[in-house]
Amino acid sequence: MFAELVINIEAPLQGTFHYDVPFDLKSILQIGHLVEVEFGRRLAQGIIVAFSEEAPVADTKPIITLIDAEPVLRPYQIQLARWMSHQYLAPLNGCLRLMLPPGLTRWADITVDINPAWDGTGLRTDLQKQVIEQL
């Protein structure tokens, strides 16, 4: 199974791109989900706009991970973005970006981990100690 994605980057992109859906995500992914993919030589977000059994190209890259458990766009929003793109000759990724929830950036979630072997070296203030304790 393949997913048709619109890549969420600042550069105007008119088309969509096909990515292979890994086995462990086949039963989870839906239209409107935000996923992480390799786009060129970098990681990028992609919004799933369709699924297909065949890809128009021979070599496809796999979807790396699902970013958010809930779809960030509904099918009617994707349909509206396609209409806007066609009607106003605007890049599809730019039209979809207008409909994304506020604050959704390239990296939707930031995870901070403390090295378990760290001995606390470098802490200077009580506030720093409190922050580390909360993490």
Protein backbone atom coordinates (compact mmCIF):
# COMPACT_ATOMS: atom_id res chain seq x y z
CA MET A 1 0.00 0.00 0.00
CA PHE A 2 1.17 3.51 -0.79
CA ALA A 3 0.26 6.87 0.69
CA GLU A 4 0.04 10.02 -1.40
CA LEU A 5 1.51 12.90 0.57
CA VAL A 6 1.71 16.66 0.36
CA ILE A 7 5.04 17.71 1.85
CA ASN A 8 4.80 20.43 4.50
CA ILE A 9 7.76 22.67 3.67
CA GLU A 10 8.01 26.39 2.95
CA ALA A 11 9.05 25.89 -0.68
CA PRO A 12 6.07 25.89 -3.08
CA LEU A 13 5.37 22.33 -4.27
CA GLN A 14 2.54 21.73 -6.70
CA GLY A 15 2.48 17.96 -6.74
CA THR A 16 2.12 15.09 -4.34
CA PHE A 17 4.62 12.37 -3.52
CA HIS A 18 4.09 8.65 -2.98
CA TYR A 19 5.56 6.81 0.00
CA ASP A 20 5.44 3.17 1.00
CA VAL A 21 3.30 2.47 4.07
CA PRO A 22 5.17 0.19 6.51
CA PHE A 23 3.30 -2.91 7.67
CA ASP A 24 2.99 -1.70 11.26
CA LEU A 25 1.25 1.53 10.14
CA LYS A 26 -1.16 0.07 7.56
CA SER A 27 -4.04 -0.36 9.99
CA ILE A 28 -3.42 3.00 11.71
CA LEU A 29 -2.91 5.62 9.01
CA GLN A 30 -5.82 7.71 7.76
CA ILE A 31 -6.26 10.55 5.32
CA GLY A 32 -5.22 13.76 7.07
CA HIS A 33 -2.57 12.18 9.28
CA LEU A 34 0.74 14.00 9.71
CA VAL A 35 3.75 11.74 9.15
CA GLU A 36 7.52 12.10 9.02
CA VAL A 37 9.27 11.20 5.78
CA GLU A 38 12.63 11.55 4.13
CA PHE A 39 12.31 14.24 1.46
CA GLY A 40 15.47 14.54 -0.55
CA ARG A 41 18.25 14.44 2.00
CA ARG A 42 16.29 15.78 4.95
CA LEU A 43 13.37 14.87 7.16
CA ALA A 44 10.06 16.59 6.54
CA GLN A 45 6.42 16.39 7.51
CA GLY A 46 3.91 15.02 5.07
CA ILE A 47 0.12 15.13 5.13
CA ILE A 48 -1.62 12.02 3.80
CA VAL A 49 -4.16 13.02 1.14
CA ALA A 50 -4.89 9.60 -0.43
CA PHE A 51 -3.98 5.90 -0.49
CA SER A 52 -3.37 3.60 -3.45
CA GLU A 53 -2.29 0.04 -4.15
CA GLU A 54 0.19 1.15 -6.82
CA ALA A 55 2.64 4.03 -7.04
CA PRO A 56 3.29 5.91 -10.28
CA VAL A 57 7.05 5.55 -9.70
CA ALA A 58 9.13 2.40 -9.24
CA ASP A 59 11.18 3.44 -6.21
CA THR A 60 9.43 4.83 -3.16
CA LYS A 61 10.73 5.58 0.30
CA PRO A 62 8.89 4.39 3.41
CA ILE A 63 7.01 6.58 5.84
CA ILE A 64 9.27 6.90 8.89
CA THR A 65 6.74 7.53 11.64
CA LEU A 66 3.32 8.84 12.52
CA ILE A 67 3.69 12.25 14.20
CA ASP A 68 0.23 12.71 15.69
CA ALA A 69 -2.30 9.99 16.56
CA GLU A 70 -5.21 12.15 15.36
CA PRO A 71 -5.49 13.42 11.78
CA VAL A 72 -4.55 17.11 11.57
CA LEU A 73 -6.85 17.73 8.58
CA ARG A 74 -10.27 16.40 7.62
CA PRO A 75 -11.06 15.14 4.09
CA TYR A 76 -13.23 18.20 3.35
CA GLN A 77 -10.28 20.48 4.20
CA ILE A 78 -8.05 18.56 1.78
CA GLN A 79 -10.74 18.80 -0.89
CA LEU A 80 -11.01 22.56 -0.31
CA ALA A 81 -7.22 22.96 -0.53
CA ARG A 82 -7.19 21.07 -3.85
CA TRP A 83 -9.93 23.37 -5.17
CA MET A 84 -8.04 26.48 -3.99
CA SER A 85 -4.84 25.23 -5.60
CA HIS A 86 -6.61 24.64 -8.92
CA GLN A 87 -8.77 27.78 -8.84
CA TYR A 88 -6.00 30.19 -7.87
CA LEU A 89 -3.01 28.36 -9.40
CA ALA A 90 -1.43 28.19 -5.94
CA PRO A 91 0.90 25.46 -4.68
CA LEU A 92 -1.06 22.67 -3.01
CA ASN A 93 1.26 22.51 -0.01
CA GLY A 94 0.72 26.24 0.61
CA CYS A 95 -3.07 25.83 0.46
CA LEU A 96 -2.97 22.92 2.91
CA ARG A 97 -0.65 24.81 5.25
CA LEU A 98 -3.37 27.50 5.62
CA MET A 99 -5.61 24.88 7.21
CA LEU A 100 -3.14 23.37 9.65
CA PRO A 101 -3.74 23.98 13.35
CA PRO A 102 -1.85 26.98 14.78
CA GLY A 103 1.55 26.16 16.22
CA LEU A 104 2.04 23.05 14.13
CA THR A 105 5.63 23.24 12.98
CA ARG A 106 8.05 20.96 11.24
CA TRP A 107 8.73 19.24 14.55
CA ALA A 108 5.32 18.85 16.14
CA ASP A 109 6.59 17.42 19.41
CA ILE A 110 9.81 18.07 21.26
CA THR A 111 11.09 15.33 23.54
CA VAL A 112 13.68 15.97 26.22
CA ASP A 113 15.50 13.08 27.85
CA ILE A 114 17.97 13.13 30.71
CA ASN A 115 21.00 10.92 30.38
CA PRO A 116 20.59 8.34 33.18
CA ALA A 117 24.35 8.28 33.76
CA TRP A 118 24.52 12.08 34.30
CA ASP A 119 25.70 12.98 37.80
CA GLY A 120 24.38 16.56 37.92
CA THR A 121 27.68 18.18 37.00
CA GLY A 122 27.13 21.68 35.66
CA LEU A 123 24.04 22.66 37.68
CA ARG A 124 24.56 26.13 39.12
CA THR A 125 21.25 27.36 40.48
CA ASP A 126 18.30 26.04 42.44
CA LEU A 127 16.04 26.77 39.47
CA GLN A 128 18.16 24.53 37.24
CA LYS A 129 17.89 21.76 39.84
CA GLN A 130 14.10 22.17 39.98
CA VAL A 131 13.82 21.94 36.20
CA ILE A 132 15.88 18.75 36.13
CA GLU A 133 13.74 17.24 38.89
CA GLN A 134 10.59 17.99 36.89
CA LEU A 135 12.02 16.32 33.80
